[in-house]
Each structure stands twice: as structure tokens, then as C-alpha cells.
PDB file of N, CA and C in Angstrom:
ATOM      1  N   MET A   1     117.900  27.926  49.455  1.00  0.00           N
ATOM      2  CA  MET A   1     118.765  26.850  49.024  1.00  0.00           C
ATOM      3  C   MET A   1     119.368  27.246  47.671  1.00  0.00           C
ATOM      4  N   ASP A   2     120.659  27.146  47.536  1.00  0.00           N
ATOM      5  CA  ASP A   2     121.284  27.522  46.269  1.00  0.00           C
ATOM      6  C   ASP A   2     121.261  26.352  45.284  1.00  0.00           C
ATOM      7  N   ALA A   3     121.691  26.631  44.050  1.00  0.00           N
ATOM      8  CA  ALA A   3     121.610  25.631  42.979  1.00  0.00           C
ATOM      9  C   ALA A   3     122.377  24.354  43.317  1.00  0.00           C
ATOM     10  N   VAL A   4     123.534  24.485  43.915  1.00  0.00           N
ATOM     11  CA  VAL A   4     124.336  23.305  44.244  1.00  0.00           C
ATOM     12  C   VAL A   4     123.624  22.446  45.287  1.00  0.00           C
ATOM     13  N   GLU A   5     123.023  23.084  46.284  1.00  0.00           N
ATOM     14  CA  GLU A   5     122.277  22.338  47.295  1.00  0.00           C
ATOM     15  C   GLU A   5     121.066  21.639  46.683  1.00  0.00           C
ATOM     16  N   LYS A   6     120.399  22.308  45.741  1.00  0.00           N
ATOM     17  CA  LYS A   6     119.259  21.695  45.067  1.00  0.00           C
ATOM     18  C   LYS A   6     119.706  20.496  44.247  1.00  0.00           C
ATOM     19  N   GLU A   7     120.831  20.641  43.561  1.00  0.00           N
ATOM     20  CA  GLU A   7     121.358  19.519  42.779  1.00  0.00           C
ATOM     21  C   GLU A   7     121.683  18.347  43.703  1.00  0.00           C
ATOM     22  N   ARG A   8     122.284  18.639  44.828  1.00  0.00           N
ATOM     23  CA  ARG A   8     122.628  17.596  45.795  1.00  0.00           C
ATOM     24  C   ARG A   8     121.365  16.905  46.318  1.00  0.00           C
ATOM     25  N   ALA A   9     120.332  17.694  46.592  1.00  0.00           N
ATOM     26  CA  ALA A   9     119.063  17.135  47.080  1.00  0.00           C
ATOM     27  C   ALA A   9     118.434  16.226  46.026  1.00  0.00           C
ATOM     28  N   ILE A  10     118.531  16.614  44.764  1.00  0.00           N
ATOM     29  CA  ILE A  10     118.003  15.789  43.682  1.00  0.00           C
ATOM     30  C   ILE A  10     118.766  14.469  43.611  1.00  0.00           C
ATOM     31  N   LEU A  11     120.074  14.537  43.697  1.00  0.00           N
ATOM     32  CA  LEU A  11     120.874  13.306  43.665  1.00  0.00           C
ATOM     33  C   LEU A  11     120.556  12.407  44.863  1.00  0.00           C
ATOM     34  N   GLU A  12     120.378  12.996  46.028  1.00  0.00           N
ATOM     35  CA  GLU A  12     120.035  12.208  47.213  1.00  0.00           C
ATOM     36  C   GLU A  12     118.672  11.543  47.043  1.00  0.00           C
ATOM     37  N   ARG A  13     117.719  12.260  46.454  1.00  0.00           N
ATOM     38  CA  ARG A  13     116.407  11.668  46.234  1.00  0.00           C
ATOM     39  C   ARG A  13     116.508  10.522  45.236  1.00  0.00           C
ATOM     40  N   LEU A  14     117.324  10.677  44.196  1.00  0.00           N
ATOM     41  CA  LEU A  14     117.526   9.586  43.238  1.00  0.00           C
ATOM     42  C   LEU A  14     118.095   8.349  43.936  1.00  0.00           C
ATOM     43  N   GLU A  15     119.046   8.560  44.822  1.00  0.00           N
ATOM     44  CA  GLU A  15     119.618   7.445  45.576  1.00  0.00           C
ATOM     45  C   GLU A  15     118.562   6.792  46.466  1.00  0.00           C
ATOM     46  N   ARG A  16     117.707   7.615  47.072  1.00  0.00           N
ATOM     47  CA  ARG A  16     116.639   7.083  47.924  1.00  0.00           C
ATOM     48  C   ARG A  16     115.677   6.236  47.083  1.00  0.00           C
ATOM     49  N   ILE A  17     115.326   6.725  45.892  1.00  0.00           N
ATOM     50  CA  ILE A  17     114.441   5.978  44.996  1.00  0.00           C
ATOM     51  C   ILE A  17     115.094   4.658  44.609  1.00  0.00           C
ATOM     52  N   ASP A  18     116.369   4.697  44.287  1.00  0.00           N
ATOM     53  CA  ASP A  18     117.084   3.473  43.930  1.00  0.00           C
ATOM     54  C   ASP A  18     117.061   2.479  45.091  1.00  0.00           C
ATOM     55  N   GLY A  19     117.270   2.971  46.307  1.00  0.00           N
ATOM     56  CA  GLY A  19     117.223   2.103  47.482  1.00  0.00           C
ATOM     57  C   GLY A  19     115.842   1.508  47.686  1.00  0.00           C
ATOM     58  N   LEU A  20     114.809   2.302  47.480  1.00  0.00           N
ATOM     59  CA  LEU A  20     113.445   1.800  47.618  1.00  0.00           C
ATOM     60  C   LEU A  20     113.153   0.715  46.580  1.00  0.00           C
ATOM     61  N   ARG A  21     113.651   0.910  45.359  1.00  0.00           N
ATOM     62  CA  ARG A  21     113.474  -0.109  44.311  1.00  0.00           C
ATOM     63  C   ARG A  21     114.146  -1.411  44.719  1.00  0.00           C
ATOM     64  N   GLU A  22     115.359  -1.304  45.258  1.00  0.00           N
ATOM     65  CA  GLU A  22     116.082  -2.497  45.679  1.00  0.00           C
ATOM     66  C   GLU A  22     115.362  -3.220  46.811  1.00  0.00           C
ATOM     67  N   GLU A  23     114.634  -2.460  47.649  1.00  0.00           N
ATOM     68  CA  GLU A  23     113.897  -3.032  48.775  1.00  0.00           C
ATOM     69  C   GLU A  23     112.508  -3.511  48.368  1.00  0.00           C
ATOM     70  N   ASP A  24     112.179  -3.395  47.064  1.00  0.00           N
ATOM     71  CA  ASP A  24     110.840  -3.754  46.581  1.00  0.00           C
ATOM     72  C   ASP A  24     109.745  -2.991  47.321  1.00  0.00           C
ATOM     73  N   ALA A  25     109.966  -1.713  47.486  1.00  0.00           N
ATOM     74  CA  ALA A  25     108.987  -0.860  48.157  1.00  0.00           C
ATOM     75  C   ALA A  25     107.690  -0.840  47.343  1.00  0.00           C
ATOM     76  N   PRO A  26     106.573  -0.605  47.995  1.00  0.00           N
ATOM     77  CA  PRO A  26     105.291  -0.524  47.274  1.00  0.00           C
ATOM     78  C   PRO A  26     105.321   0.574  46.212  1.00  0.00           C
ATOM     79  N   ALA A  27     104.567   0.357  45.152  1.00  0.00           N
ATOM     80  CA  ALA A  27     104.527   1.308  44.036  1.00  0.00           C
ATOM     81  C   ALA A  27     104.130   2.707  44.497  1.00  0.00           C
ATOM     82  N   GLY A  28     103.204   2.804  45.427  1.00  0.00           N
ATOM     83  CA  GLY A  28     102.762   4.113  45.914  1.00  0.00           C
ATOM     84  C   GLY A  28     103.880   4.897  46.560  1.00  0.00           C
ATOM     85  N   VAL A  29     104.739   4.200  47.292  1.00  0.00           N
ATOM     86  CA  VAL A  29     105.880   4.855  47.939  1.00  0.00           C
ATOM     87  C   VAL A  29     106.841   5.372  46.876  1.00  0.00           C
ATOM     88  N   LEU A  30     107.107   4.550  45.865  1.00  0.00           N
ATOM     89  CA  LEU A  30     107.993   4.974  44.777  1.00  0.00           C
ATOM     90  C   LEU A  30     107.399   6.163  44.017  1.00  0.00           C
ATOM     91  N   LEU A  31     106.103   6.097  43.733  1.00  0.00           N
ATOM     92  CA  LEU A  31     105.468   7.204  43.017  1.00  0.00           C
ATOM     93  C   LEU A  31     105.541   8.500  43.807  1.00  0.00           C
ATOM     94  N   ASP A  32     105.354   8.423  45.112  1.00  0.00           N
ATOM     95  CA  ASP A  32     105.483   9.627  45.940  1.00  0.00           C
ATOM     96  C   ASP A  32     106.877  10.228  45.828  1.00  0.00           C
ATOM     97  N   GLU A  33     107.887   9.367  45.842  1.00  0.00           N
ATOM     98  CA  GLU A  33     109.266   9.852  45.717  1.00  0.00           C
ATOM     99  C   GLU A  33     109.527  10.433  44.336  1.00  0.00           C
ATOM    100  N   VAL A  34     108.975   9.804  43.297  1.00  0.00           N
ATOM    101  CA  VAL A  34     109.162  10.324  41.936  1.00  0.00           C
ATOM    102  C   VAL A  34     108.474  11.676  41.793  1.00  0.00           C
ATOM    103  N   ARG A  35     107.276  11.802  42.365  1.00  0.00           N
ATOM    104  CA  ARG A  35     106.583  13.108  42.332  1.00  0.00           C
ATOM    105  C   ARG A  35     107.436  14.179  43.015  1.00  0.00           C
ATOM    106  N   ALA A  36     107.972  13.834  44.170  1.00  0.00           N
ATOM    107  CA  ALA A  36     108.807  14.792  44.902  1.00  0.00           C
ATOM    108  C   ALA A  36     110.070  15.119  44.114  1.00  0.00           C
ATOM    109  N   LEU A  37     110.646  14.112  43.461  1.00  0.00           N
ATOM    110  CA  LEU A  37     111.833  14.334  42.630  1.00  0.00           C
ATOM    111  C   LEU A  37     111.516  15.319  41.511  1.00  0.00           C
ATOM    112  N   LEU A  38     110.387  15.116  40.846  1.00  0.00           N
ATOM    113  CA  LEU A  38     110.022  16.030  39.761  1.00  0.00           C
ATOM    114  C   LEU A  38     109.779  17.441  40.275  1.00  0.00           C
ATOM    115  N   ALA A  39     109.165  17.567  41.425  1.00  0.00           N
ATOM    116  CA  ALA A  39     108.956  18.898  42.007  1.00  0.00           C
ATOM    117  C   ALA A  39     110.299  19.563  42.308  1.00  0.00           C
ATOM    118  N   ASP A  40     111.226  18.793  42.888  1.00  0.00           N
ATOM    119  CA  ASP A  40     112.566  19.324  43.163  1.00  0.00           C
ATOM    120  C   ASP A  40     113.253  19.753  41.874  1.00  0.00           C
ATOM    121  N   ALA A  41     113.131  18.915  40.850  1.00  0.00           N
ATOM    122  CA  ALA A  41     113.783  19.214  39.570  1.00  0.00           C
ATOM    123  C   ALA A  41     113.175  20.451  38.925  1.00  0.00           C
ATOM    124  N   GLU A  42     111.858  20.593  39.016  1.00  0.00           N
ATOM    125  CA  GLU A  42     111.215  21.782  38.454  1.00  0.00           C
ATOM    126  C   GLU A  42     111.667  23.049  39.177  1.00  0.00           C
ATOM    127  N   ASP A  43     111.790  22.980  40.486  1.00  0.00           N
ATOM    128  CA  ASP A  43     112.298  24.125  41.250  1.00  0.00           C
ATOM    129  C   ASP A  43     113.712  24.467  40.820  1.00  0.00           C
ATOM    130  N   TRP A  44     114.527  23.446  40.650  1.00  0.00           N
ATOM    131  CA  TRP A  44     115.921  23.636  40.255  1.00  0.00           C
ATOM    132  C   TRP A  44     115.987  24.305  38.887  1.00  0.00           C
ATOM    133  N   VAL A  45     115.179  23.804  37.939  1.00  0.00           N
ATOM    134  CA  VAL A  45     115.168  24.375  36.585  1.00  0.00           C
ATOM    135  C   VAL A  45     114.727  25.827  36.624  1.00  0.00           C
ATOM    136  N   ALA A  46     113.748  26.131  37.460  1.00  0.00           N
ATOM    137  CA  ALA A  46     113.226  27.499  37.530  1.00  0.00           C
ATOM    138  C   ALA A  46     114.264  28.483  38.048  1.00  0.00           C
ATOM    139  N   GLU A  47     115.158  28.022  38.919  1.00  0.00           N
ATOM    140  CA  GLU A  47     116.112  28.924  39.543  1.00  0.00           C
ATOM    141  C   GLU A  47     117.523  28.864  38.968  1.00  0.00           C
ATOM    142  N   ALA A  48     117.862  27.778  38.333  1.00  0.00           N
ATOM    143  CA  ALA A  48     119.233  27.613  37.839  1.00  0.00           C
ATOM    144  C   ALA A  48     119.254  27.741  36.322  1.00  0.00           C
ATOM    145  N   ARG A  49     120.395  27.983  35.832  1.00  0.00           N
ATOM    146  CA  ARG A  49     120.566  28.011  34.379  1.00  0.00           C
ATOM    147  C   ARG A  49     120.906  26.588  33.942  1.00  0.00           C
ATOM    148  N   VAL A  50     119.925  25.952  33.349  1.00  0.00           N
ATOM    149  CA  VAL A  50     120.111  24.583  32.899  1.00  0.00           C
ATOM    150  C   VAL A  50     119.876  24.535  31.398  1.00  0.00           C
ATOM    151  N   PRO A  51     120.474  23.557  30.742  1.00  0.00           N
ATOM    152  CA  PRO A  51     120.231  23.441  29.295  1.00  0.00           C
ATOM    153  C   PRO A  51     118.749  23.223  29.010  1.00  0.00           C
ATOM    154  N   ALA A  52     118.300  23.742  27.893  1.00  0.00           N
ATOM    155  CA  ALA A  52     116.889  23.611  27.514  1.00  0.00           C
ATOM    156  C   ALA A  52     116.473  22.149  27.474  1.00  0.00           C
ATOM    157  N   ARG A  53     117.367  21.281  27.026  1.00  0.00           N
ATOM    158  CA  ARG A  53     116.986  19.867  26.927  1.00  0.00           C
ATOM    159  C   ARG A  53     116.782  19.240  28.308  1.00  0.00           C
ATOM    160  N   THR A  54     117.428  19.785  29.334  1.00  0.00           N
ATOM    161  CA  THR A  54     117.184  19.296  30.695  1.00  0.00           C
ATOM    162  C   THR A  54     115.771  19.656  31.116  1.00  0.00           C
ATOM    163  N   ALA A  55     115.385  20.884  30.874  1.00  0.00           N
ATOM    164  CA  ALA A  55     114.035  21.323  31.204  1.00  0.00           C
ATOM    165  C   ALA A  55     113.002  20.516  30.414  1.00  0.00           C
ATOM    166  N   GLU A  56     113.299  20.245  29.154  1.00  0.00           N
ATOM    167  CA  GLU A  56     112.385  19.455  28.326  1.00  0.00           C
ATOM    168  C   GLU A  56     112.267  18.026  28.853  1.00  0.00           C
ATOM    169  N   ALA A  57     113.360  17.451  29.291  1.00  0.00           N
ATOM    170  CA  ALA A  57     113.335  16.094  29.838  1.00  0.00           C
ATOM    171  C   ALA A  57     112.491  16.033  31.103  1.00  0.00           C
ATOM    172  N   ILE A  58     112.599  17.047  31.929  1.00  0.00           N
ATOM    173  CA  ILE A  58     111.794  17.094  33.156  1.00  0.00           C
ATOM    174  C   ILE A  58     110.320  17.211  32.799  1.00  0.00           C
ATOM    175  N   GLU A  59     109.994  18.016  31.820  1.00  0.00           N
ATOM    176  CA  GLU A  59     108.597  18.155  31.400  1.00  0.00           C
ATOM    177  C   GLU A  59     108.076  16.832  30.823  1.00  0.00           C
ATOM    178  N   ARG A  60     108.888  16.144  30.025  1.00  0.00           N
ATOM    179  CA  ARG A  60     108.468  14.841  29.492  1.00  0.00           C
ATOM    180  C   ARG A  60     108.243  13.841  30.623  1.00  0.00           C
ATOM    181  N   ALA A  61     109.107  13.875  31.627  1.00  0.00           N
ATOM    182  CA  ALA A  61     108.947  12.977  32.774  1.00  0.00           C
ATOM    183  C   ALA A  61     107.640  13.272  33.492  1.00  0.00           C
ATOM    184  N   ARG A  62     107.315  14.537  33.662  1.00  0.00           N
ATOM    185  CA  ARG A  62     106.051  14.930  34.298  1.00  0.00           C
ATOM    186  C   ARG A  62     104.874  14.375  33.492  1.00  0.00           C
ATOM    187  N   GLU A  63     104.928  14.502  32.164  1.00  0.00           N
ATOM    188  CA  GLU A  63     103.845  14.020  31.309  1.00  0.00           C
ATOM    189  C   GLU A  63     103.709  12.496  31.391  1.00  0.00           C
ATOM    190  N   VAL A  64     104.825  11.795  31.383  1.00  0.00           N
ATOM    191  CA  VAL A  64     104.801  10.332  31.475  1.00  0.00           C
ATOM    192  C   VAL A  64     104.229   9.899  32.817  1.00  0.00           C
ATOM    193  N   LEU A  65     104.640  10.555  33.878  1.00  0.00           N
ATOM    194  CA  LEU A  65     104.114  10.230  35.202  1.00  0.00           C
ATOM    195  C   LEU A  65     102.605  10.455  35.238  1.00  0.00           C
ATOM    196  N   ALA A  66     102.153  11.578  34.708  1.00  0.00           N
ATOM    197  CA  ALA A  66     100.720  11.874  34.703  1.00  0.00           C
ATOM    198  C   ALA A  66      99.954  10.838  33.877  1.00  0.00           C
ATOM    199  N   ALA A  67     100.501  10.452  32.739  1.00  0.00           N
ATOM    200  CA  ALA A  67      99.848   9.443  31.905  1.00  0.00           C
ATOM    201  C   ALA A  67      99.804   8.095  32.613  1.00  0.00           C
ATOM    202  N   GLY A  68     100.900   7.753  33.284  1.00  0.00           N
ATOM    203  CA  GLY A  68     100.946   6.492  34.004  1.00  0.00           C
ATOM    204  C   GLY A  68      99.992   6.472  35.172  1.00  0.00           C
ATOM    205  N   GLU A  69      99.838   7.598  35.849  1.00  0.00           N
ATOM    206  CA  GLU A  69      98.908   7.669  36.961  1.00  0.00           C
ATOM    207  C   GLU A  69      97.477   7.499  36.478  1.00  0.00           C
ATOM    208  N   SER A  70      97.151   8.048  35.322  1.00  0.00           N
ATOM    209  CA  SER A  70      95.790   7.900  34.825  1.00  0.00           C
ATOM    210  C   SER A  70      95.507   6.436  34.465  1.00  0.00           C
ATOM    211  N   VAL A  71      96.519   5.726  34.019  1.00  0.00           N
ATOM    212  CA  VAL A  71      96.362   4.306  33.728  1.00  0.00           C
ATOM    213  C   VAL A  71      96.172   3.535  35.032  1.00  0.00           C
ATOM    214  N   LEU A  72      96.909   3.920  36.067  1.00  0.00           N
ATOM    215  CA  LEU A  72      96.826   3.221  37.348  1.00  0.00           C
ATOM    216  C   LEU A  72      95.477   3.403  38.015  1.00  0.00           C
ATOM    217  N   VAL A  73      94.855   4.557  37.830  1.00  0.00           N
ATOM    218  CA  VAL A  73      93.597   4.825  38.510  1.00  0.00           C
ATOM    219  C   VAL A  73      92.389   4.636  37.615  1.00  0.00           C
ATOM    220  N   ALA A  74      92.610   4.291  36.353  1.00  0.00           N
ATOM    221  CA  ALA A  74      91.491   4.090  35.436  1.00  0.00           C
ATOM    222  C   ALA A  74      90.699   2.858  35.864  1.00  0.00           C
ATOM    223  N   PRO A  75      89.382   2.960  35.813  1.00  0.00           N
ATOM    224  CA  PRO A  75      88.566   1.794  36.181  1.00  0.00           C
ATOM    225  C   PRO A  75      88.754   0.666  35.177  1.00  0.00           C
ATOM    226  N   ARG A  76      88.708  -0.517  35.682  1.00  0.00           N
ATOM    227  CA  ARG A  76      88.837  -1.690  34.801  1.00  0.00           C
ATOM    228  C   ARG A  76      87.501  -1.969  34.163  1.00  0.00           C
ATOM    229  N   SER A  77      87.553  -2.406  32.904  1.00  0.00           N
ATOM    230  CA  SER A  77      86.300  -2.717  32.226  1.00  0.00           C
ATOM    231  C   SER A  77      85.986  -4.184  32.257  1.00  0.00           C
TER     232      SER A  77
END
């Protein structure tokens, strides 16, 4: 898959996530799509020439997702 196709796939996934939000999809379904989006974006960054700040934004998104997941699965006291 070339860079343009990867970019298109990322945009399509964003649209799918937006549609799921509008449908009030369960959080788990949205998280699965966000995880897949980040994986797609990381692949795109690895193969395409993207600005450093784009790569940094993707890494920050990965960190935020990981932090949020730990909050979601943390036992309640």
C-alpha cells in the first residue's frame, strides 16, 4: 500500500469513528477503532515522509490512549 492509500485509509477510519460516535457505539468498539487508527498512523509515519510534529502527535495520542486504558481497567477502591 502506498502513502496515498494509507492516508486515505486513515481518513476512512476517522470517518468510521465519527459515525460510531454519532451512533453512540459502546466505548469498547470506539477504543478498538482508535487503536487501529493509531496502528495505521504509525505505519504511515514509518513509511512516509511526515513532519516531525505529526509523528510526535501520534506518539502523544498513543500515550494518552495507554493512560486512559489503565484508568479504565484500574480496580475501584
